[in-house]
């Protein structure tokens, strides 16, 4: 596992009335502080990214649809420098994915329906603390097999 990344299975409680889907609790041992929560949709066949936050820790859950999240560690002082990991999360595998600062990530819809990602961050969004790179950036050793539209 890339240093600082966490994948945690989440619980869903379903009955004839609907479903309750847990995401994150303030008493979780890895929870630091609340910054903001937002939701993002990803249409079928679309890939978003690459992004790297300089200070922000993110906590992703996908309650609708399915996405592949790819994380690349280029931190020079990390014990996992140079590693790339893929995670598929969503309705097929409902999990929380914690992404620490200073690692690159990208995500793509791997299902036939629009996917919705919930993100609970530890600081409010600040456009000054994020870096972006094109999906074709050769410094990130990953090639998406989904054609972004």
N, C-alpha and C. Protein backbone atom coordinates (compact mmCIF):
# COMPACT_ATOMS: atom_id res chain seq x y z
N UNK A 1 0.85 -1.19 0.00
CA UNK A 1 0.00 0.00 0.00
C UNK A 1 0.89 1.24 0.00
N UNK A 2 0.51 2.23 -0.80
CA UNK A 2 1.25 3.49 -0.82
C UNK A 2 1.14 4.14 0.56
N UNK A 3 2.27 4.66 1.05
CA UNK A 3 2.35 5.28 2.36
C UNK A 3 1.26 6.34 2.53
N UNK A 4 0.46 6.22 3.59
CA UNK A 4 -0.59 7.19 3.90
C UNK A 4 -1.94 6.89 3.27
N UNK A 5 -1.99 5.96 2.32
CA UNK A 5 -3.26 5.58 1.69
C UNK A 5 -3.94 4.55 2.57
N UNK A 6 -5.25 4.65 2.67
CA UNK A 6 -6.03 3.71 3.46
C UNK A 6 -7.26 3.30 2.66
N UNK A 7 -7.54 2.02 2.64
CA UNK A 7 -8.77 1.51 2.04
C UNK A 7 -9.53 0.78 3.13
N UNK A 8 -10.77 1.21 3.40
CA UNK A 8 -11.55 0.64 4.49
C UNK A 8 -12.93 0.25 3.95
N UNK A 9 -13.28 -1.01 4.14
CA UNK A 9 -14.63 -1.47 3.76
C UNK A 9 -15.65 -0.70 4.59
N UNK A 10 -16.73 -0.30 3.94
CA UNK A 10 -17.79 0.44 4.62
C UNK A 10 -19.06 -0.40 4.71
N UNK A 11 -19.91 -0.04 5.67
CA UNK A 11 -21.14 -0.80 5.89
C UNK A 11 -22.32 -0.14 5.18
N UNK A 12 -23.19 -1.01 4.68
CA UNK A 12 -24.46 -0.59 4.11
C UNK A 12 -25.56 -1.38 4.83
N UNK A 13 -26.62 -0.68 5.16
CA UNK A 13 -27.75 -1.30 5.82
C UNK A 13 -28.97 -1.08 4.93
N UNK A 14 -29.49 -2.16 4.37
CA UNK A 14 -30.60 -2.04 3.43
C UNK A 14 -31.81 -2.82 3.93
N UNK A 15 -32.97 -2.25 3.70
CA UNK A 15 -34.23 -2.96 3.92
C UNK A 15 -35.23 -2.44 2.88
N UNK A 16 -36.49 -2.77 3.05
CA UNK A 16 -37.50 -2.41 2.06
C UNK A 16 -37.71 -0.90 1.93
N UNK A 17 -37.24 -0.12 2.91
CA UNK A 17 -37.41 1.34 2.87
C UNK A 17 -36.29 2.04 2.12
N UNK A 18 -35.13 1.40 2.00
CA UNK A 18 -33.98 2.02 1.36
C UNK A 18 -32.68 1.56 2.00
N UNK A 19 -31.63 2.35 1.84
CA UNK A 19 -30.30 1.97 2.28
C UNK A 19 -29.64 3.10 3.04
N UNK A 20 -28.98 2.77 4.15
CA UNK A 20 -28.11 3.70 4.87
C UNK A 20 -26.69 3.25 4.56
N UNK A 21 -25.85 4.20 4.11
CA UNK A 21 -24.47 3.90 3.74
C UNK A 21 -23.53 4.75 4.58
N UNK A 22 -22.76 4.11 5.44
CA UNK A 22 -21.80 4.84 6.26
C UNK A 22 -20.64 5.33 5.39
N UNK A 23 -19.98 6.42 5.84
CA UNK A 23 -18.82 6.92 5.12
C UNK A 23 -17.66 7.20 6.07
N UNK A 24 -17.83 8.12 7.04
CA UNK A 24 -16.72 8.54 7.88
C UNK A 24 -17.26 9.05 9.21
N UNK A 25 -16.57 8.68 10.28
CA UNK A 25 -16.94 9.14 11.62
C UNK A 25 -15.81 9.97 12.20
N UNK A 26 -16.18 10.93 13.04
CA UNK A 26 -15.16 11.79 13.65
C UNK A 26 -14.28 11.03 14.64
N UNK A 27 -14.73 9.86 15.11
CA UNK A 27 -13.92 9.09 16.05
C UNK A 27 -13.08 8.01 15.35
N UNK A 28 -13.03 8.01 14.02
CA UNK A 28 -12.18 7.08 13.30
C UNK A 28 -10.72 7.41 13.61
N UNK A 29 -9.87 6.41 13.82
CA UNK A 29 -8.48 6.69 14.23
C UNK A 29 -7.68 7.47 13.19
N UNK A 30 -8.08 7.45 11.94
CA UNK A 30 -7.35 8.16 10.88
C UNK A 30 -7.94 9.52 10.57
N UNK A 31 -9.09 9.87 11.19
CA UNK A 31 -9.73 11.16 10.94
C UNK A 31 -8.97 12.26 11.66
N UNK A 32 -8.64 13.33 10.94
CA UNK A 32 -7.89 14.43 11.55
C UNK A 32 -8.77 15.62 11.86
N UNK A 33 -9.43 16.16 10.85
CA UNK A 33 -10.32 17.30 11.06
C UNK A 33 -11.21 17.47 9.85
N UNK A 34 -12.28 18.25 10.02
CA UNK A 34 -13.23 18.50 8.95
C UNK A 34 -12.88 19.77 8.21
N UNK A 35 -12.85 19.69 6.89
CA UNK A 35 -12.66 20.87 6.05
C UNK A 35 -13.90 21.18 5.24
N UNK A 36 -14.33 20.21 4.43
CA UNK A 36 -15.55 20.34 3.68
C UNK A 36 -15.95 18.98 3.11
N UNK A 37 -17.21 18.87 2.71
CA UNK A 37 -17.71 17.70 1.99
C UNK A 37 -18.25 18.19 0.67
N UNK A 38 -17.91 17.49 -0.40
CA UNK A 38 -18.53 17.80 -1.68
C UNK A 38 -18.78 16.51 -2.44
N UNK A 39 -19.63 16.62 -3.44
CA UNK A 39 -19.99 15.50 -4.30
C UNK A 39 -19.60 15.84 -5.72
N UNK A 40 -19.13 14.84 -6.44
CA UNK A 40 -18.71 15.02 -7.83
C UNK A 40 -19.25 13.85 -8.64
N UNK A 41 -19.75 14.13 -9.83
CA UNK A 41 -20.20 13.04 -10.70
C UNK A 41 -19.17 12.79 -11.79
N UNK A 42 -19.14 11.54 -12.24
CA UNK A 42 -18.25 11.14 -13.33
C UNK A 42 -19.10 10.35 -14.31
N UNK A 43 -19.21 10.84 -15.51
CA UNK A 43 -20.03 10.18 -16.52
C UNK A 43 -19.34 8.94 -17.06
N UNK A 44 -20.12 7.98 -17.61
CA UNK A 44 -19.53 6.76 -18.17
C UNK A 44 -18.46 7.09 -19.22
N UNK A 45 -17.35 6.38 -19.13
CA UNK A 45 -16.27 6.56 -20.09
C UNK A 45 -15.37 7.76 -19.85
N UNK A 46 -15.59 8.48 -18.76
CA UNK A 46 -14.83 9.71 -18.48
C UNK A 46 -13.75 9.44 -17.44
N UNK A 47 -12.58 10.05 -17.65
CA UNK A 47 -11.47 10.00 -16.69
C UNK A 47 -11.17 11.43 -16.26
N UNK A 48 -11.04 11.64 -14.95
CA UNK A 48 -10.67 12.94 -14.40
C UNK A 48 -9.28 12.84 -13.78
N UNK A 49 -8.51 13.88 -13.88
CA UNK A 49 -7.21 13.91 -13.22
C UNK A 49 -6.15 14.32 -14.21
N UNK A 50 -4.97 14.29 -13.85
CA UNK A 50 -4.27 14.04 -12.61
C UNK A 50 -4.31 15.27 -11.71
N UNK A 51 -4.37 15.00 -10.39
CA UNK A 51 -4.31 16.06 -9.39
C UNK A 51 -3.39 15.62 -8.26
N UNK A 52 -2.80 16.63 -7.63
CA UNK A 52 -2.00 16.40 -6.43
C UNK A 52 -2.26 17.58 -5.49
N UNK A 53 -2.78 17.28 -4.30
CA UNK A 53 -2.99 18.32 -3.30
C UNK A 53 -1.74 18.42 -2.43
N UNK A 54 -1.36 19.64 -2.12
CA UNK A 54 -0.13 19.88 -1.36
C UNK A 54 -0.33 19.76 0.15
N UNK A 55 -1.56 20.04 0.63
CA UNK A 55 -1.85 19.97 2.07
C UNK A 55 -3.08 19.14 2.40
N UNK A 56 -3.97 18.95 1.46
CA UNK A 56 -5.28 18.34 1.72
C UNK A 56 -5.24 16.82 1.76
N UNK A 57 -5.87 16.25 2.79
CA UNK A 57 -6.16 14.82 2.84
C UNK A 57 -7.60 14.64 2.40
N UNK A 58 -7.83 13.64 1.55
CA UNK A 58 -9.17 13.40 1.03
C UNK A 58 -9.67 12.03 1.47
N UNK A 59 -10.98 11.92 1.59
CA UNK A 59 -11.63 10.65 1.94
C UNK A 59 -12.74 10.44 0.93
N UNK A 60 -12.55 9.50 -0.01
CA UNK A 60 -13.51 9.24 -1.07
C UNK A 60 -14.41 8.06 -0.71
N UNK A 61 -15.68 8.18 -1.06
CA UNK A 61 -16.61 7.05 -1.08
C UNK A 61 -17.48 7.25 -2.31
N UNK A 62 -17.89 6.16 -2.93
CA UNK A 62 -18.71 6.22 -4.14
C UNK A 62 -20.00 5.45 -3.88
N UNK A 63 -21.07 6.18 -3.48
CA UNK A 63 -22.33 5.50 -3.18
C UNK A 63 -23.16 5.15 -4.41
N UNK A 64 -22.84 5.75 -5.56
CA UNK A 64 -23.58 5.51 -6.80
C UNK A 64 -22.58 5.24 -7.92
N UNK A 65 -22.71 4.12 -8.60
CA UNK A 65 -21.81 3.79 -9.71
C UNK A 65 -20.50 3.21 -9.21
N UNK A 66 -19.52 3.15 -10.14
CA UNK A 66 -18.22 2.55 -9.83
C UNK A 66 -17.11 3.34 -10.51
N UNK A 67 -16.04 3.58 -9.78
CA UNK A 67 -14.89 4.29 -10.33
C UNK A 67 -13.61 3.53 -10.03
N UNK A 68 -12.63 3.74 -10.89
CA UNK A 68 -11.26 3.30 -10.62
C UNK A 68 -10.49 4.55 -10.21
N UNK A 69 -9.80 4.47 -9.08
CA UNK A 69 -8.93 5.56 -8.62
C UNK A 69 -7.51 5.04 -8.73
N UNK A 70 -6.66 5.82 -9.39
CA UNK A 70 -5.25 5.47 -9.54
C UNK A 70 -4.44 6.49 -8.75
N UNK A 71 -3.53 5.99 -7.94
CA UNK A 71 -2.68 6.85 -7.11
C UNK A 71 -1.23 6.57 -7.46
N UNK A 72 -0.46 7.64 -7.64
CA UNK A 72 0.96 7.53 -7.94
C UNK A 72 1.75 8.34 -6.92
N UNK A 73 2.75 7.71 -6.31
CA UNK A 73 3.56 8.33 -5.27
C UNK A 73 4.89 8.78 -5.87
N UNK A 74 5.08 10.09 -5.99
CA UNK A 74 6.38 10.61 -6.44
C UNK A 74 7.07 11.43 -5.35
N UNK A 75 6.63 11.23 -4.09
CA UNK A 75 7.25 11.96 -2.98
C UNK A 75 8.68 11.42 -2.78
N UNK A 76 9.68 12.30 -2.84
CA UNK A 76 11.07 11.82 -2.77
C UNK A 76 11.44 11.14 -1.46
N UNK A 77 10.81 11.50 -0.34
CA UNK A 77 11.16 10.93 0.96
C UNK A 77 10.22 9.81 1.39
N UNK A 78 9.35 9.36 0.51
CA UNK A 78 8.38 8.32 0.87
C UNK A 78 8.99 6.93 0.69
N UNK A 79 8.66 5.99 1.58
CA UNK A 79 9.15 4.61 1.38
C UNK A 79 8.48 3.92 0.19
N UNK A 80 7.42 4.53 -0.35
CA UNK A 80 6.73 3.93 -1.50
C UNK A 80 6.89 4.78 -2.77
N UNK A 81 7.92 5.61 -2.83
CA UNK A 81 8.18 6.42 -4.02
C UNK A 81 8.24 5.53 -5.25
N UNK A 82 7.56 5.98 -6.30
CA UNK A 82 7.57 5.25 -7.57
C UNK A 82 6.45 4.24 -7.72
N UNK A 83 5.69 3.97 -6.64
CA UNK A 83 4.60 3.00 -6.72
C UNK A 83 3.33 3.63 -7.27
N UNK A 84 2.59 2.82 -8.02
CA UNK A 84 1.28 3.18 -8.55
C UNK A 84 0.30 2.12 -8.05
N UNK A 85 -0.89 2.55 -7.61
CA UNK A 85 -1.92 1.61 -7.16
C UNK A 85 -3.25 1.96 -7.78
N UNK A 86 -4.03 0.92 -8.07
CA UNK A 86 -5.39 1.06 -8.59
C UNK A 86 -6.36 0.56 -7.52
N UNK A 87 -7.48 1.27 -7.40
CA UNK A 87 -8.57 0.86 -6.51
C UNK A 87 -9.87 1.02 -7.27
N UNK A 88 -10.72 0.00 -7.26
CA UNK A 88 -12.06 0.13 -7.81
C UNK A 88 -13.02 0.15 -6.64
N UNK A 89 -13.75 1.26 -6.53
CA UNK A 89 -14.69 1.44 -5.43
C UNK A 89 -16.03 1.90 -5.99
N UNK A 90 -17.07 1.60 -5.25
CA UNK A 90 -18.41 2.00 -5.66
C UNK A 90 -19.44 1.02 -5.15
N UNK A 91 -20.49 0.86 -5.91
CA UNK A 91 -21.57 -0.02 -5.45
C UNK A 91 -21.15 -1.48 -5.42
N UNK A 92 -20.21 -1.87 -6.28
CA UNK A 92 -19.72 -3.26 -6.25
C UNK A 92 -18.81 -3.51 -5.05
N UNK A 93 -18.07 -2.49 -4.65
CA UNK A 93 -17.16 -2.59 -3.50
C UNK A 93 -17.20 -1.25 -2.78
N UNK A 94 -18.08 -1.17 -1.79
CA UNK A 94 -18.30 0.09 -1.10
C UNK A 94 -17.23 0.27 -0.04
N UNK A 95 -16.35 1.25 -0.26
CA UNK A 95 -15.19 1.48 0.60
C UNK A 95 -14.94 2.97 0.78
N UNK A 96 -14.16 3.27 1.79
CA UNK A 96 -13.60 4.60 1.97
C UNK A 96 -12.15 4.53 1.52
N UNK A 97 -11.75 5.47 0.69
CA UNK A 97 -10.36 5.55 0.22
C UNK A 97 -9.78 6.86 0.70
N UNK A 98 -8.76 6.77 1.56
CA UNK A 98 -8.08 7.96 2.08
C UNK A 98 -6.87 8.23 1.21
N UNK A 99 -6.79 9.47 0.70
CA UNK A 99 -5.67 9.88 -0.15
C UNK A 99 -4.92 11.00 0.57
N UNK A 100 -3.67 10.76 0.94
CA UNK A 100 -2.91 11.78 1.66
C UNK A 100 -2.43 12.89 0.71
N UNK A 101 -1.95 13.99 1.28
CA UNK A 101 -1.37 15.04 0.44
C UNK A 101 -0.13 14.54 -0.30
N UNK A 102 0.20 15.22 -1.38
CA UNK A 102 1.45 15.07 -2.12
C UNK A 102 1.54 13.82 -2.98
N UNK A 103 0.43 13.11 -3.19
CA UNK A 103 0.43 12.01 -4.15
C UNK A 103 -0.52 12.38 -5.29
N UNK A 104 -0.19 11.92 -6.48
CA UNK A 104 -1.02 12.15 -7.66
C UNK A 104 -2.18 11.16 -7.65
N UNK A 105 -3.35 11.60 -8.12
CA UNK A 105 -4.47 10.69 -8.30
C UNK A 105 -5.28 11.09 -9.52
N UNK A 106 -5.95 10.11 -10.05
CA UNK A 106 -6.86 10.29 -11.17
C UNK A 106 -7.98 9.29 -10.98
N UNK A 107 -9.15 9.57 -11.52
CA UNK A 107 -10.25 8.62 -11.38
C UNK A 107 -11.08 8.58 -12.64
N UNK A 108 -11.59 7.37 -12.92
CA UNK A 108 -12.39 7.17 -14.12
C UNK A 108 -13.59 6.29 -13.83
N UNK A 109 -14.68 6.55 -14.53
CA UNK A 109 -15.90 5.77 -14.39
C UNK A 109 -15.70 4.43 -15.08
N UNK A 110 -15.93 3.33 -14.37
CA UNK A 110 -15.75 1.99 -14.92
C UNK A 110 -17.08 1.24 -15.00
N UNK A 111 -18.17 1.99 -15.05
CA UNK A 111 -19.49 1.37 -15.15
C UNK A 111 -20.29 1.99 -16.28
N UNK A 112 -21.49 1.51 -16.44
CA UNK A 112 -22.35 1.99 -17.51
C UNK A 112 -23.27 3.12 -17.10
N UNK A 113 -23.19 3.54 -15.82
CA UNK A 113 -24.03 4.63 -15.34
C UNK A 113 -23.15 5.73 -14.76
N UNK A 114 -23.72 6.92 -14.62
CA UNK A 114 -23.00 8.01 -13.99
C UNK A 114 -22.64 7.60 -12.57
N UNK A 115 -21.46 7.93 -12.12
CA UNK A 115 -21.01 7.63 -10.77
C UNK A 115 -20.99 8.91 -9.95
N UNK A 116 -21.25 8.79 -8.65
CA UNK A 116 -21.18 9.93 -7.75
C UNK A 116 -20.16 9.64 -6.66
N UNK A 117 -19.22 10.55 -6.53
CA UNK A 117 -18.17 10.44 -5.53
C UNK A 117 -18.44 11.45 -4.42
N UNK A 118 -18.37 11.01 -3.18
CA UNK A 118 -18.42 11.90 -2.02
C UNK A 118 -16.99 12.06 -1.51
N UNK A 119 -16.61 13.30 -1.21
CA UNK A 119 -15.25 13.57 -0.74
C UNK A 119 -15.34 14.40 0.54
N UNK A 120 -14.80 13.88 1.63
CA UNK A 120 -14.69 14.62 2.88
C UNK A 120 -13.22 14.98 3.05
N UNK A 121 -12.92 16.27 3.01
CA UNK A 121 -11.54 16.73 3.09
C UNK A 121 -11.24 17.29 4.48
N UNK A 122 -9.96 17.41 4.77
CA UNK A 122 -9.57 17.94 6.08
C UNK A 122 -9.34 19.44 6.09
N UNK A 123 -9.34 20.08 4.91
CA UNK A 123 -9.28 21.54 4.81
C UNK A 123 -10.24 21.97 3.69
N UNK A 124 -10.76 23.19 3.74
CA UNK A 124 -11.58 23.67 2.64
C UNK A 124 -10.76 23.77 1.36
N UNK A 125 -11.44 23.64 0.22
CA UNK A 125 -10.76 23.73 -1.08
C UNK A 125 -10.02 25.06 -1.21
N UNK A 126 -8.79 25.00 -1.68
CA UNK A 126 -7.96 26.17 -1.93
C UNK A 126 -7.24 25.92 -3.25
N UNK A 127 -7.58 26.65 -4.30
CA UNK A 127 -6.96 26.39 -5.61
C UNK A 127 -5.45 26.60 -5.62
N UNK A 128 -4.91 27.25 -4.60
CA UNK A 128 -3.46 27.48 -4.54
C UNK A 128 -2.69 26.27 -4.04
N UNK A 129 -3.39 25.27 -3.47
CA UNK A 129 -2.68 24.12 -2.91
C UNK A 129 -2.83 22.85 -3.75
N UNK A 130 -3.28 22.99 -4.99
CA UNK A 130 -3.45 21.83 -5.85
C UNK A 130 -2.64 22.00 -7.14
N UNK A 131 -2.05 20.89 -7.58
CA UNK A 131 -1.37 20.85 -8.87
C UNK A 131 -2.15 19.93 -9.78
N UNK A 132 -2.17 20.22 -11.07
CA UNK A 132 -2.85 19.37 -12.04
C UNK A 132 -1.87 19.00 -13.15
N UNK A 133 -2.12 17.85 -13.76
CA UNK A 133 -1.31 17.39 -14.89
C UNK A 133 -2.26 16.73 -15.89
N UNK A 134 -1.88 16.76 -17.13
CA UNK A 134 -2.67 16.15 -18.19
C UNK A 134 -2.63 14.62 -18.04
N UNK A 135 -3.69 13.96 -18.48
CA UNK A 135 -3.73 12.50 -18.41
C UNK A 135 -2.58 11.85 -19.18
N UNK A 136 -2.06 12.54 -20.17
CA UNK A 136 -0.96 11.98 -20.98
C UNK A 136 0.42 12.33 -20.44
N UNK A 137 0.50 12.95 -19.27
CA UNK A 137 1.79 13.34 -18.68
C UNK A 137 2.68 12.11 -18.51
N UNK A 138 3.82 12.12 -19.18
CA UNK A 138 4.73 10.97 -19.17
C UNK A 138 5.47 10.78 -17.86
N UNK A 139 5.45 11.78 -16.97
CA UNK A 139 6.13 11.62 -15.68
C UNK A 139 5.32 10.74 -14.72
N UNK A 140 4.06 10.47 -15.06
CA UNK A 140 3.22 9.58 -14.26
C UNK A 140 3.09 8.26 -15.02
N UNK A 141 3.62 7.18 -14.48
CA UNK A 141 3.70 5.91 -15.22
C UNK A 141 2.39 5.12 -15.21
N UNK A 142 1.36 5.69 -15.84
CA UNK A 142 0.08 4.99 -15.91
C UNK A 142 -0.63 5.43 -17.18
N UNK A 143 -1.18 4.46 -17.89
CA UNK A 143 -1.96 4.75 -19.09
C UNK A 143 -3.38 4.23 -18.86
N UNK A 144 -4.33 5.12 -18.94
CA UNK A 144 -5.73 4.75 -18.76
C UNK A 144 -6.22 3.95 -19.94
N UNK A 145 -6.98 2.87 -19.68
CA UNK A 145 -7.59 2.10 -20.76
C UNK A 145 -9.04 2.52 -21.00
N UNK A 146 -9.47 3.57 -20.30
CA UNK A 146 -10.77 4.20 -20.55
C UNK A 146 -10.49 5.43 -21.40
N UNK A 147 -11.24 5.60 -22.46
CA UNK A 147 -11.07 6.76 -23.31
C UNK A 147 -11.89 7.91 -22.74
N UNK A 148 -11.22 8.94 -22.24
CA UNK A 148 -11.92 10.09 -21.67
C UNK A 148 -12.60 10.88 -22.77
N UNK A 149 -13.81 11.31 -22.49
CA UNK A 149 -14.58 12.08 -23.48
C UNK A 149 -14.48 13.55 -23.18
